[in-house]
Amino acid sequence: HLLFVILGDGPDRDHLSKIIERQQLTN
């Protein structure tokens, strides 16, 4: 029962978002 939060922005945002979606970790 955990949530990871990343506060920030930068050039890898889209890349990281895609990894999160691909790994089914959006929740």
mmCIF file of all heavy atoms, coordinates in Angstrom:
data_MODEL
# 
_entry.id   MODEL 
# 
loop_
_atom_site.group_PDB 
_atom_site.id 
_atom_site.type_symbol 
_atom_site.label_atom_id 
_atom_site.label_alt_id 
_atom_site.label_comp_id 
_atom_site.label_asym_id 
_atom_site.label_entity_id 
_atom_site.label_seq_id 
_atom_site.pdbx_PDB_ins_code 
_atom_site.Cartn_x 
_atom_site.Cartn_y 
_atom_site.Cartn_z 
_atom_site.occupancy 
_atom_site.B_iso_or_equiv 
_atom_site.pdbx_formal_charge 
_atom_site.auth_seq_id 
_atom_site.auth_comp_id 
_atom_site.auth_asym_id 
_atom_site.auth_atom_id 
_atom_site.pdbx_PDB_model_num 
ATOM 1   N N   . HIS A 1 1  ? 0.855  -1.198 0.000   1.00 0.00 ? 1  HIS A N   1 
ATOM 2   C CA  . HIS A 1 1  ? 0.000  0.000  0.000   1.00 0.00 ? 1  HIS A CA  1 
ATOM 3   C C   . HIS A 1 1  ? 0.891  1.249  0.000   1.00 0.00 ? 1  HIS A C   1 
ATOM 4   O O   . HIS A 1 1  ? 1.022  1.929  1.007   1.00 0.00 ? 1  HIS A O   1 
ATOM 5   C CB  . HIS A 1 1  ? -0.911 -0.050 1.239   1.00 0.00 ? 1  HIS A CB  1 
ATOM 6   C CG  . HIS A 1 1  ? -2.097 0.839  1.175   1.00 0.00 ? 1  HIS A CG  1 
ATOM 7   N ND1 . HIS A 1 1  ? -3.061 0.721  0.200   1.00 0.00 ? 1  HIS A ND1 1 
ATOM 8   C CD2 . HIS A 1 1  ? -2.478 1.877  1.955   1.00 0.00 ? 1  HIS A CD2 1 
ATOM 9   C CE1 . HIS A 1 1  ? -3.983 1.639  0.399   1.00 0.00 ? 1  HIS A CE1 1 
ATOM 10  N NE2 . HIS A 1 1  ? -3.651 2.347  1.458   1.00 0.00 ? 1  HIS A NE2 1 
ATOM 11  N N   . LEU A 1 2  ? 1.524  1.517  -1.174  1.00 0.00 ? 2  LEU A N   1 
ATOM 12  C CA  . LEU A 1 2  ? 2.492  2.603  -1.314  1.00 0.00 ? 2  LEU A CA  1 
ATOM 13  C C   . LEU A 1 2  ? 2.202  3.435  -2.555  1.00 0.00 ? 2  LEU A C   1 
ATOM 14  O O   . LEU A 1 2  ? 1.630  2.933  -3.523  1.00 0.00 ? 2  LEU A O   1 
ATOM 15  C CB  . LEU A 1 2  ? 3.912  2.046  -1.466  1.00 0.00 ? 2  LEU A CB  1 
ATOM 16  C CG  . LEU A 1 2  ? 4.451  1.108  -0.405  1.00 0.00 ? 2  LEU A CG  1 
ATOM 17  C CD1 . LEU A 1 2  ? 5.765  0.492  -0.877  1.00 0.00 ? 2  LEU A CD1 1 
ATOM 18  C CD2 . LEU A 1 2  ? 4.657  1.847  0.895   1.00 0.00 ? 2  LEU A CD2 1 
ATOM 19  N N   . LEU A 1 3  ? 2.656  4.677  -2.514  1.00 0.00 ? 3  LEU A N   1 
ATOM 20  C CA  . LEU A 1 3  ? 2.590  5.538  -3.684  1.00 0.00 ? 3  LEU A CA  1 
ATOM 21  C C   . LEU A 1 3  ? 3.927  6.249  -3.810  1.00 0.00 ? 3  LEU A C   1 
ATOM 22  O O   . LEU A 1 3  ? 4.449  6.789  -2.828  1.00 0.00 ? 3  LEU A O   1 
ATOM 23  C CB  . LEU A 1 3  ? 1.471  6.575  -3.532  1.00 0.00 ? 3  LEU A CB  1 
ATOM 24  C CG  . LEU A 1 3  ? 1.328  7.594  -4.658  1.00 0.00 ? 3  LEU A CG  1 
ATOM 25  C CD1 . LEU A 1 3  ? 0.921  6.899  -5.971  1.00 0.00 ? 3  LEU A CD1 1 
ATOM 26  C CD2 . LEU A 1 3  ? 0.309  8.663  -4.293  1.00 0.00 ? 3  LEU A CD2 1 
ATOM 27  N N   . PHE A 1 4  ? 4.493  6.228  -5.009  1.00 0.00 ? 4  PHE A N   1 
ATOM 28  C CA  . PHE A 1 4  ? 5.717  6.957  -5.301  1.00 0.00 ? 4  PHE A CA  1 
ATOM 29  C C   . PHE A 1 4  ? 5.335  8.246  -6.024  1.00 0.00 ? 4  PHE A C   1 
ATOM 30  O O   . PHE A 1 4  ? 4.519  8.223  -6.948  1.00 0.00 ? 4  PHE A O   1 
ATOM 31  C CB  . PHE A 1 4  ? 6.646  6.127  -6.190  1.00 0.00 ? 4  PHE A CB  1 
ATOM 32  C CG  . PHE A 1 4  ? 7.307  4.994  -5.468  1.00 0.00 ? 4  PHE A CG  1 
ATOM 33  C CD1 . PHE A 1 4  ? 6.614  3.828  -5.181  1.00 0.00 ? 4  PHE A CD1 1 
ATOM 34  C CD2 . PHE A 1 4  ? 8.635  5.091  -5.076  1.00 0.00 ? 4  PHE A CD2 1 
ATOM 35  C CE1 . PHE A 1 4  ? 7.227  2.777  -4.509  1.00 0.00 ? 4  PHE A CE1 1 
ATOM 36  C CE2 . PHE A 1 4  ? 9.252  4.054  -4.406  1.00 0.00 ? 4  PHE A CE2 1 
ATOM 37  C CZ  . PHE A 1 4  ? 8.547  2.891  -4.121  1.00 0.00 ? 4  PHE A CZ  1 
ATOM 38  N N   . VAL A 1 5  ? 5.937  9.352  -5.593  1.00 0.00 ? 5  VAL A N   1 
ATOM 39  C CA  . VAL A 1 5  ? 5.636  10.649 -6.187  1.00 0.00 ? 5  VAL A CA  1 
ATOM 40  C C   . VAL A 1 5  ? 6.943  11.303 -6.620  1.00 0.00 ? 5  VAL A C   1 
ATOM 41  O O   . VAL A 1 5  ? 7.894  11.395 -5.829  1.00 0.00 ? 5  VAL A O   1 
ATOM 42  C CB  . VAL A 1 5  ? 4.892  11.571 -5.191  1.00 0.00 ? 5  VAL A CB  1 
ATOM 43  C CG1 . VAL A 1 5  ? 4.693  12.950 -5.783  1.00 0.00 ? 5  VAL A CG1 1 
ATOM 44  C CG2 . VAL A 1 5  ? 3.556  10.955 -4.802  1.00 0.00 ? 5  VAL A CG2 1 
ATOM 45  N N   . ILE A 1 6  ? 6.971  11.731 -7.863  1.00 0.00 ? 6  ILE A N   1 
ATOM 46  C CA  . ILE A 1 6  ? 8.114  12.463 -8.403  1.00 0.00 ? 6  ILE A CA  1 
ATOM 47  C C   . ILE A 1 6  ? 7.649  13.884 -8.670  1.00 0.00 ? 6  ILE A C   1 
ATOM 48  O O   . ILE A 1 6  ? 6.734  14.096 -9.473  1.00 0.00 ? 6  ILE A O   1 
ATOM 49  C CB  . ILE A 1 6  ? 8.616  11.830 -9.715  1.00 0.00 ? 6  ILE A CB  1 
ATOM 50  C CG1 . ILE A 1 6  ? 8.997  10.362 -9.500  1.00 0.00 ? 6  ILE A CG1 1 
ATOM 51  C CG2 . ILE A 1 6  ? 9.774  12.639 -10.285 1.00 0.00 ? 6  ILE A CG2 1 
ATOM 52  C CD1 . ILE A 1 6  ? 9.224  9.584  -10.795 1.00 0.00 ? 6  ILE A CD1 1 
ATOM 53  N N   . LEU A 1 7  ? 8.260  14.855 -7.983  1.00 0.00 ? 7  LEU A N   1 
ATOM 54  C CA  . LEU A 1 7  ? 7.986  16.262 -8.240  1.00 0.00 ? 7  LEU A CA  1 
ATOM 55  C C   . LEU A 1 7  ? 9.094  16.798 -9.126  1.00 0.00 ? 7  LEU A C   1 
ATOM 56  O O   . LEU A 1 7  ? 10.262 16.793 -8.726  1.00 0.00 ? 7  LEU A O   1 
ATOM 57  C CB  . LEU A 1 7  ? 7.968  17.075 -6.938  1.00 0.00 ? 7  LEU A CB  1 
ATOM 58  C CG  . LEU A 1 7  ? 6.835  16.851 -5.964  1.00 0.00 ? 7  LEU A CG  1 
ATOM 59  C CD1 . LEU A 1 7  ? 7.021  17.729 -4.737  1.00 0.00 ? 7  LEU A CD1 1 
ATOM 60  C CD2 . LEU A 1 7  ? 5.500  17.147 -6.618  1.00 0.00 ? 7  LEU A CD2 1 
ATOM 61  N N   . GLY A 1 8  ? 8.749  17.215 -10.312 1.00 0.00 ? 8  GLY A N   1 
ATOM 62  C CA  . GLY A 1 8  ? 9.783  17.750 -11.179 1.00 0.00 ? 8  GLY A CA  1 
ATOM 63  C C   . GLY A 1 8  ? 9.381  17.727 -12.633 1.00 0.00 ? 8  GLY A C   1 
ATOM 64  O O   . GLY A 1 8  ? 8.301  17.278 -13.003 1.00 0.00 ? 8  GLY A O   1 
ATOM 65  N N   . ASP A 1 9  ? 10.292 18.224 -13.439 1.00 0.00 ? 9  ASP A N   1 
ATOM 66  C CA  . ASP A 1 9  ? 10.101 18.243 -14.878 1.00 0.00 ? 9  ASP A CA  1 
ATOM 67  C C   . ASP A 1 9  ? 11.475 18.163 -15.518 1.00 0.00 ? 9  ASP A C   1 
ATOM 68  O O   . ASP A 1 9  ? 12.488 18.343 -14.839 1.00 0.00 ? 9  ASP A O   1 
ATOM 69  C CB  . ASP A 1 9  ? 9.369  19.508 -15.319 1.00 0.00 ? 9  ASP A CB  1 
ATOM 70  C CG  . ASP A 1 9  ? 8.650  19.327 -16.644 1.00 0.00 ? 9  ASP A CG  1 
ATOM 71  O OD1 . ASP A 1 9  ? 8.745  18.238 -17.244 1.00 0.00 ? 9  ASP A OD1 1 
ATOM 72  O OD2 . ASP A 1 9  ? 7.989  20.277 -17.088 1.00 0.00 ? 9  ASP A OD2 1 
ATOM 73  N N   . GLY A 1 10 ? 11.502 17.888 -16.787 1.00 0.00 ? 10 GLY A N   1 
ATOM 74  C CA  . GLY A 1 10 ? 12.775 17.816 -17.481 1.00 0.00 ? 10 GLY A CA  1 
ATOM 75  C C   . GLY A 1 10 ? 12.656 17.028 -18.766 1.00 0.00 ? 10 GLY A C   1 
ATOM 76  O O   . GLY A 1 10 ? 11.571 16.552 -19.130 1.00 0.00 ? 10 GLY A O   1 
ATOM 77  N N   . PRO A 1 11 ? 13.780 16.865 -19.442 1.00 0.00 ? 11 PRO A N   1 
ATOM 78  C CA  . PRO A 1 11 ? 13.766 16.262 -20.774 1.00 0.00 ? 11 PRO A CA  1 
ATOM 79  C C   . PRO A 1 11 ? 13.337 14.792 -20.807 1.00 0.00 ? 11 PRO A C   1 
ATOM 80  O O   . PRO A 1 11 ? 12.914 14.307 -21.853 1.00 0.00 ? 11 PRO A O   1 
ATOM 81  C CB  . PRO A 1 11 ? 15.219 16.413 -21.253 1.00 0.00 ? 11 PRO A CB  1 
ATOM 82  C CG  . PRO A 1 11 ? 16.031 16.621 -20.026 1.00 0.00 ? 11 PRO A CG  1 
ATOM 83  C CD  . PRO A 1 11 ? 15.129 17.285 -19.039 1.00 0.00 ? 11 PRO A CD  1 
ATOM 84  N N   . ASP A 1 12 ? 13.431 14.083 -19.687 1.00 0.00 ? 12 ASP A N   1 
ATOM 85  C CA  . ASP A 1 12 ? 13.062 12.660 -19.673 1.00 0.00 ? 12 ASP A CA  1 
ATOM 86  C C   . ASP A 1 12 ? 11.632 12.398 -19.219 1.00 0.00 ? 12 ASP A C   1 
ATOM 87  O O   . ASP A 1 12 ? 11.240 11.246 -19.037 1.00 0.00 ? 12 ASP A O   1 
ATOM 88  C CB  . ASP A 1 12 ? 14.025 11.870 -18.765 1.00 0.00 ? 12 ASP A CB  1 
ATOM 89  C CG  . ASP A 1 12 ? 15.396 11.699 -19.382 1.00 0.00 ? 12 ASP A CG  1 
ATOM 90  O OD1 . ASP A 1 12 ? 15.578 12.068 -20.564 1.00 0.00 ? 12 ASP A OD1 1 
ATOM 91  O OD2 . ASP A 1 12 ? 16.293 11.194 -18.682 1.00 0.00 ? 12 ASP A OD2 1 
ATOM 92  N N   . ARG A 1 13 ? 10.833 13.424 -19.071 1.00 0.00 ? 13 ARG A N   1 
ATOM 93  C CA  . ARG A 1 13 ? 9.467  13.244 -18.558 1.00 0.00 ? 13 ARG A CA  1 
ATOM 94  C C   . ARG A 1 13 ? 8.657  12.263 -19.404 1.00 0.00 ? 13 ARG A C   1 
ATOM 95  O O   . ARG A 1 13 ? 8.051  11.330 -18.867 1.00 0.00 ? 13 ARG A O   1 
ATOM 96  C CB  . ARG A 1 13 ? 8.747  14.585 -18.455 1.00 0.00 ? 13 ARG A CB  1 
ATOM 97  C CG  . ARG A 1 13 ? 7.369  14.444 -17.838 1.00 0.00 ? 13 ARG A CG  1 
ATOM 98  C CD  . ARG A 1 13 ? 6.603  15.766 -17.846 1.00 0.00 ? 13 ARG A CD  1 
ATOM 99  N NE  . ARG A 1 13 ? 5.375  15.611 -17.103 1.00 0.00 ? 13 ARG A NE  1 
ATOM 100 C CZ  . ARG A 1 13 ? 5.205  16.007 -15.862 1.00 0.00 ? 13 ARG A CZ  1 
ATOM 101 N NH1 . ARG A 1 13 ? 6.180  16.598 -15.208 1.00 0.00 ? 13 ARG A NH1 1 
ATOM 102 N NH2 . ARG A 1 13 ? 4.058  15.820 -15.260 1.00 0.00 ? 13 ARG A NH2 1 
ATOM 103 N N   . ASP A 1 14 ? 8.628  12.452 -20.705 1.00 0.00 ? 14 ASP A N   1 
ATOM 104 C CA  . ASP A 1 14 ? 7.849  11.563 -21.574 1.00 0.00 ? 14 ASP A CA  1 
ATOM 105 C C   . ASP A 1 14 ? 8.400  10.138 -21.529 1.00 0.00 ? 14 ASP A C   1 
ATOM 106 O O   . ASP A 1 14 ? 7.631  9.176  -21.456 1.00 0.00 ? 14 ASP A O   1 
ATOM 107 C CB  . ASP A 1 14 ? 7.841  12.071 -23.015 1.00 0.00 ? 14 ASP A CB  1 
ATOM 108 C CG  . ASP A 1 14 ? 7.000  13.327 -23.189 1.00 0.00 ? 14 ASP A CG  1 
ATOM 109 O OD1 . ASP A 1 14 ? 6.134  13.600 -22.328 1.00 0.00 ? 14 ASP A OD1 1 
ATOM 110 O OD2 . ASP A 1 14 ? 7.227  14.040 -24.192 1.00 0.00 ? 14 ASP A OD2 1 
ATOM 111 N N   . HIS A 1 15 ? 9.706  10.007 -21.556 1.00 0.00 ? 15 HIS A N   1 
ATOM 112 C CA  . HIS A 1 15 ? 10.348 8.693  -21.485 1.00 0.00 ? 15 HIS A CA  1 
ATOM 113 C C   . HIS A 1 15 ? 9.946  7.966  -20.198 1.00 0.00 ? 15 HIS A C   1 
ATOM 114 O O   . HIS A 1 15 ? 9.555  6.792  -20.230 1.00 0.00 ? 15 HIS A O   1 
ATOM 115 C CB  . HIS A 1 15 ? 11.871 8.863  -21.564 1.00 0.00 ? 15 HIS A CB  1 
ATOM 116 C CG  . HIS A 1 15 ? 12.650 7.637  -21.245 1.00 0.00 ? 15 HIS A CG  1 
ATOM 117 N ND1 . HIS A 1 15 ? 12.700 6.538  -22.089 1.00 0.00 ? 15 HIS A ND1 1 
ATOM 118 C CD2 . HIS A 1 15 ? 13.406 7.310  -20.166 1.00 0.00 ? 15 HIS A CD2 1 
ATOM 119 C CE1 . HIS A 1 15 ? 13.452 5.598  -21.538 1.00 0.00 ? 15 HIS A CE1 1 
ATOM 120 N NE2 . HIS A 1 15 ? 13.898 6.042  -20.373 1.00 0.00 ? 15 HIS A NE2 1 
ATOM 121 N N   . LEU A 1 16 ? 10.020 8.655  -19.059 1.00 0.00 ? 16 LEU A N   1 
ATOM 122 C CA  . LEU A 1 16 ? 9.665  8.045  -17.775 1.00 0.00 ? 16 LEU A CA  1 
ATOM 123 C C   . LEU A 1 16 ? 8.178  7.700  -17.722 1.00 0.00 ? 16 LEU A C   1 
ATOM 124 O O   . LEU A 1 16 ? 7.800  6.632  -17.225 1.00 0.00 ? 16 LEU A O   1 
ATOM 125 C CB  . LEU A 1 16 ? 10.044 8.978  -16.631 1.00 0.00 ? 16 LEU A CB  1 
ATOM 126 C CG  . LEU A 1 16 ? 11.551 9.223  -16.457 1.00 0.00 ? 16 LEU A CG  1 
ATOM 127 C CD1 . LEU A 1 16 ? 11.797 10.375 -15.495 1.00 0.00 ? 16 LEU A CD1 1 
ATOM 128 C CD2 . LEU A 1 16 ? 12.262 7.962  -16.009 1.00 0.00 ? 16 LEU A CD2 1 
ATOM 129 N N   . SER A 1 17 ? 7.338  8.576  -18.252 1.00 0.00 ? 17 SER A N   1 
ATOM 130 C CA  . SER A 1 17 ? 5.886  8.315  -18.280 1.00 0.00 ? 17 SER A CA  1 
ATOM 131 C C   . SER A 1 17 ? 5.576  7.058  -19.084 1.00 0.00 ? 17 SER A C   1 
ATOM 132 O O   . SER A 1 17 ? 4.715  6.259  -18.697 1.00 0.00 ? 17 SER A O   1 
ATOM 133 C CB  . SER A 1 17 ? 5.141  9.515  -18.857 1.00 0.00 ? 17 SER A CB  1 
ATOM 134 O OG  . SER A 1 17 ? 5.268  10.621 -18.005 1.00 0.00 ? 17 SER A OG  1 
ATOM 135 N N   . LYS A 1 18 ? 6.290  6.877  -20.185 1.00 0.00 ? 18 LYS A N   1 
ATOM 136 C CA  . LYS A 1 18 ? 6.075  5.684  -21.013 1.00 0.00 ? 18 LYS A CA  1 
ATOM 137 C C   . LYS A 1 18 ? 6.495  4.416  -20.276 1.00 0.00 ? 18 LYS A C   1 
ATOM 138 O O   . LYS A 1 18 ? 5.821  3.385  -20.368 1.00 0.00 ? 18 LYS A O   1 
ATOM 139 C CB  . LYS A 1 18 ? 6.813  5.815  -22.342 1.00 0.00 ? 18 LYS A CB  1 
ATOM 140 C CG  . LYS A 1 18 ? 6.172  6.814  -23.273 1.00 0.00 ? 18 LYS A CG  1 
ATOM 141 C CD  . LYS A 1 18 ? 6.969  7.009  -24.540 1.00 0.00 ? 18 LYS A CD  1 
ATOM 142 C CE  . LYS A 1 18 ? 6.321  8.116  -25.384 1.00 0.00 ? 18 LYS A CE  1 
ATOM 143 N NZ  . LYS A 1 18 ? 7.136  8.486  -26.532 1.00 0.00 ? 18 LYS A NZ  1 
ATOM 144 N N   . ILE A 1 19 ? 7.601  4.477  -19.567 1.00 0.00 ? 19 ILE A N   1 
ATOM 145 C CA  . ILE A 1 19 ? 8.040  3.304  -18.784 1.00 0.00 ? 19 ILE A CA  1 
ATOM 146 C C   . ILE A 1 19 ? 6.995  2.976  -17.719 1.00 0.00 ? 19 ILE A C   1 
ATOM 147 O O   . ILE A 1 19 ? 6.645  1.802  -17.532 1.00 0.00 ? 19 ILE A O   1 
ATOM 148 C CB  . ILE A 1 19 ? 9.416  3.555  -18.118 1.00 0.00 ? 19 ILE A CB  1 
ATOM 149 C CG1 . ILE A 1 19 ? 10.507 3.694  -19.177 1.00 0.00 ? 19 ILE A CG1 1 
ATOM 150 C CG2 . ILE A 1 19 ? 9.756  2.427  -17.145 1.00 0.00 ? 19 ILE A CG2 1 
ATOM 151 C CD1 . ILE A 1 19 ? 11.849 4.140  -18.608 1.00 0.00 ? 19 ILE A CD1 1 
ATOM 152 N N   . ILE A 1 20 ? 6.485  3.988  -17.048 1.00 0.00 ? 20 ILE A N   1 
ATOM 153 C CA  . ILE A 1 20 ? 5.471  3.783  -16.005 1.00 0.00 ? 20 ILE A CA  1 
ATOM 154 C C   . ILE A 1 20 ? 4.226  3.131  -16.603 1.00 0.00 ? 20 ILE A C   1 
ATOM 155 O O   . ILE A 1 20 ? 3.677  2.183  -16.040 1.00 0.00 ? 20 ILE A O   1 
ATOM 156 C CB  . ILE A 1 20 ? 5.143  5.122  -15.303 1.00 0.00 ? 20 ILE A CB  1 
ATOM 157 C CG1 . ILE A 1 20 ? 6.363  5.587  -14.477 1.00 0.00 ? 20 ILE A CG1 1 
ATOM 158 C CG2 . ILE A 1 20 ? 3.897  5.003  -14.433 1.00 0.00 ? 20 ILE A CG2 1 
ATOM 159 C CD1 . ILE A 1 20 ? 6.286  7.035  -14.008 1.00 0.00 ? 20 ILE A CD1 1 
ATOM 160 N N   . GLU A 1 21 ? 3.791  3.611  -17.759 1.00 0.00 ? 21 GLU A N   1 
ATOM 161 C CA  . GLU A 1 21 ? 2.622  3.018  -18.426 1.00 0.00 ? 21 GLU A CA  1 
ATOM 162 C C   . GLU A 1 21 ? 2.910  1.588  -18.862 1.00 0.00 ? 21 GLU A C   1 
ATOM 163 O O   . GLU A 1 21 ? 2.091  0.689  -18.641 1.00 0.00 ? 21 GLU A O   1 
ATOM 164 C CB  . GLU A 1 21 ? 2.227  3.867  -19.631 1.00 0.00 ? 21 GLU A CB  1 
ATOM 165 C CG  . GLU A 1 21 ? 1.530  5.152  -19.259 1.00 0.00 ? 21 GLU A CG  1 
ATOM 166 C CD  . GLU A 1 21 ? 1.150  5.967  -20.489 1.00 0.00 ? 21 GLU A CD  1 
ATOM 167 O OE1 . GLU A 1 21 ? 0.858  5.363  -21.552 1.00 0.00 ? 21 GLU A OE1 1 
ATOM 168 O OE2 . GLU A 1 21 ? 1.165  7.201  -20.369 1.00 0.00 ? 21 GLU A OE2 1 
ATOM 169 N N   . ARG A 1 22 ? 4.063  1.376  -19.482 1.00 0.00 ? 22 ARG A N   1 
ATOM 170 C CA  . ARG A 1 22 ? 4.427  0.045  -19.981 1.00 0.00 ? 22 ARG A CA  1 
ATOM 171 C C   . ARG A 1 22 ? 4.516  -0.976 -18.835 1.00 0.00 ? 22 ARG A C   1 
ATOM 172 O O   . ARG A 1 22 ? 4.111  -2.131 -18.988 1.00 0.00 ? 22 ARG A O   1 
ATOM 173 C CB  . ARG A 1 22 ? 5.745  0.122  -20.750 1.00 0.00 ? 22 ARG A CB  1 
ATOM 174 C CG  . ARG A 1 22 ? 6.099  -1.129 -21.509 1.00 0.00 ? 22 ARG A CG  1 
ATOM 175 C CD  . ARG A 1 22 ? 7.311  -0.979 -22.445 1.00 0.00 ? 22 ARG A CD  1 
ATOM 176 N NE  . ARG A 1 22 ? 8.446  -0.289 -21.859 1.00 0.00 ? 22 ARG A NE  1 
ATOM 177 C CZ  . ARG A 1 22 ? 8.906  0.910  -22.273 1.00 0.00 ? 22 ARG A CZ  1 
ATOM 178 N NH1 . ARG A 1 22 ? 8.328  1.545  -23.278 1.00 0.00 ? 22 ARG A NH1 1 
ATOM 179 N NH2 . ARG A 1 22 ? 9.953  1.463  -21.686 1.00 0.00 ? 22 ARG A NH2 1 
ATOM 180 N N   . GLN A 1 23 ? 5.007  -0.535 -17.680 1.00 0.00 ? 23 GLN A N   1 
ATOM 181 C CA  . GLN A 1 23 ? 5.126  -1.428 -16.522 1.00 0.00 ? 23 GLN A CA  1 
ATOM 182 C C   . GLN A 1 23 ? 3.813  -1.538 -15.733 1.00 0.00 ? 23 GLN A C   1 
ATOM 183 O O   . GLN A 1 23 ? 3.769  -2.213 -14.710 1.00 0.00 ? 23 GLN A O   1 
ATOM 184 C CB  . GLN A 1 23 ? 6.235  -0.919 -15.576 1.00 0.00 ? 23 GLN A CB  1 
ATOM 185 C CG  . GLN A 1 23 ? 7.599  -0.908 -16.179 1.00 0.00 ? 23 GLN A CG  1 
ATOM 186 C CD  . GLN A 1 23 ? 8.195  -2.298 -16.287 1.00 0.00 ? 23 GLN A CD  1 
ATOM 187 O OE1 . GLN A 1 23 ? 7.604  -3.295 -15.900 1.00 0.00 ? 23 GLN A OE1 1 
ATOM 188 N NE2 . GLN A 1 23 ? 9.377  -2.379 -16.849 1.00 0.00 ? 23 GLN A NE2 1 
ATOM 189 N N   . GLN A 1 24 ? 2.789  -0.847 -16.197 1.00 0.00 ? 24 GLN A N   1 
ATOM 190 C CA  . GLN A 1 24 ? 1.478  -0.822 -15.541 1.00 0.00 ? 24 GLN A CA  1 
ATOM 191 C C   . GLN A 1 24 ? 1.598  -0.353 -14.088 1.00 0.00 ? 24 GLN A C   1 
ATOM 192 O O   . GLN A 1 24 ? 1.044  -0.958 -13.168 1.00 0.00 ? 24 GLN A O   1 
ATOM 193 C CB  . GLN A 1 24 ? 0.800  -2.190 -15.633 1.00 0.00 ? 24 GLN A CB  1 
ATOM 194 C CG  . GLN A 1 24 ? 0.544  -2.616 -17.057 1.00 0.00 ? 24 GLN A CG  1 
ATOM 195 C CD  . GLN A 1 24 ? -0.069 -3.991 -17.179 1.00 0.00 ? 24 GLN A CD  1 
ATOM 196 O OE1 . GLN A 1 24 ? -0.116 -4.775 -16.238 1.00 0.00 ? 24 GLN A OE1 1 
ATOM 197 N NE2 . GLN A 1 24 ? -0.573 -4.286 -18.364 1.00 0.00 ? 24 GLN A NE2 1 
ATOM 198 N N   . LEU A 1 25 ? 2.294  0.772  -13.923 1.00 0.00 ? 25 LEU A N   1 
ATOM 199 C CA  . LEU A 1 25 ? 2.519  1.345  -12.598 1.00 0.00 ? 25 LEU A CA  1 
ATOM 200 C C   . LEU A 1 25 ? 1.842  2.706  -12.418 1.00 0.00 ? 25 LEU A C   1 
ATOM 201 O O   . LEU A 1 25 ? 2.163  3.428  -11.482 1.00 0.00 ? 25 LEU A O   1 
ATOM 202 C CB  . LEU A 1 25 ? 4.030  1.482  -12.341 1.00 0.00 ? 25 LEU A CB  1 
ATOM 203 C CG  . LEU A 1 25 ? 4.800  0.178  -12.176 1.00 0.00 ? 25 LEU A CG  1 
ATOM 204 C CD1 . LEU A 1 25 ? 6.304  0.418  -12.228 1.00 0.00 ? 25 LEU A CD1 1 
ATOM 205 C CD2 . LEU A 1 25 ? 4.410  -0.499 -10.867 1.00 0.00 ? 25 LEU A CD2 1 
ATOM 206 N N   . THR A 1 26 ? 0.894  3.020  -13.286 1.00 0.00 ? 26 THR A N   1 
ATOM 207 C CA  . THR A 1 26 ? 0.262  4.341  -13.200 1.00 0.00 ? 26 THR A CA  1 
ATOM 208 C C   . THR A 1 26 ? -0.519 4.542  -11.897 1.00 0.00 ? 26 THR A C   1 
ATOM 209 O O   . THR A 1 26 ? -0.736 5.683  -11.489 1.00 0.00 ? 26 THR A O   1 
ATOM 210 C CB  . THR A 1 26 ? -0.670 4.597  -14.406 1.00 0.00 ? 26 THR A CB  1 
ATOM 211 O OG1 . THR A 1 26 ? -1.607 3.523  -14.504 1.00 0.00 ? 26 THR A OG1 1 
ATOM 212 C CG2 . THR A 1 26 ? 0.128  4.727  -15.695 1.00 0.00 ? 26 THR A CG2 1 
ATOM 213 N N   . ASN A 1 27 ? -0.919 3.465  -11.243 1.00 0.00 ? 27 ASN A N   1 
ATOM 214 C CA  . ASN A 1 27 ? -1.585 3.588  -9.936  1.00 0.00 ? 27 ASN A CA  1 
ATOM 215 C C   . ASN A 1 27 ? -0.596 3.620  -8.776  1.00 0.00 ? 27 ASN A C   1 
ATOM 216 O O   . ASN A 1 27 ? -0.994 3.761  -7.622  1.00 0.00 ? 27 ASN A O   1 
ATOM 217 C CB  . ASN A 1 27 ? -2.560 2.425  -9.711  1.00 0.00 ? 27 ASN A CB  1 
ATOM 218 C CG  . ASN A 1 27 ? -3.735 2.493  -10.651 1.00 0.00 ? 27 ASN A CG  1 
ATOM 219 O OD1 . ASN A 1 27 ? -4.161 3.568  -11.060 1.00 0.00 ? 27 ASN A OD1 1 
ATOM 220 N ND2 . ASN A 1 27 ? -4.259 1.335  -11.017 1.00 0.00 ? 27 ASN A ND2 1 
# 
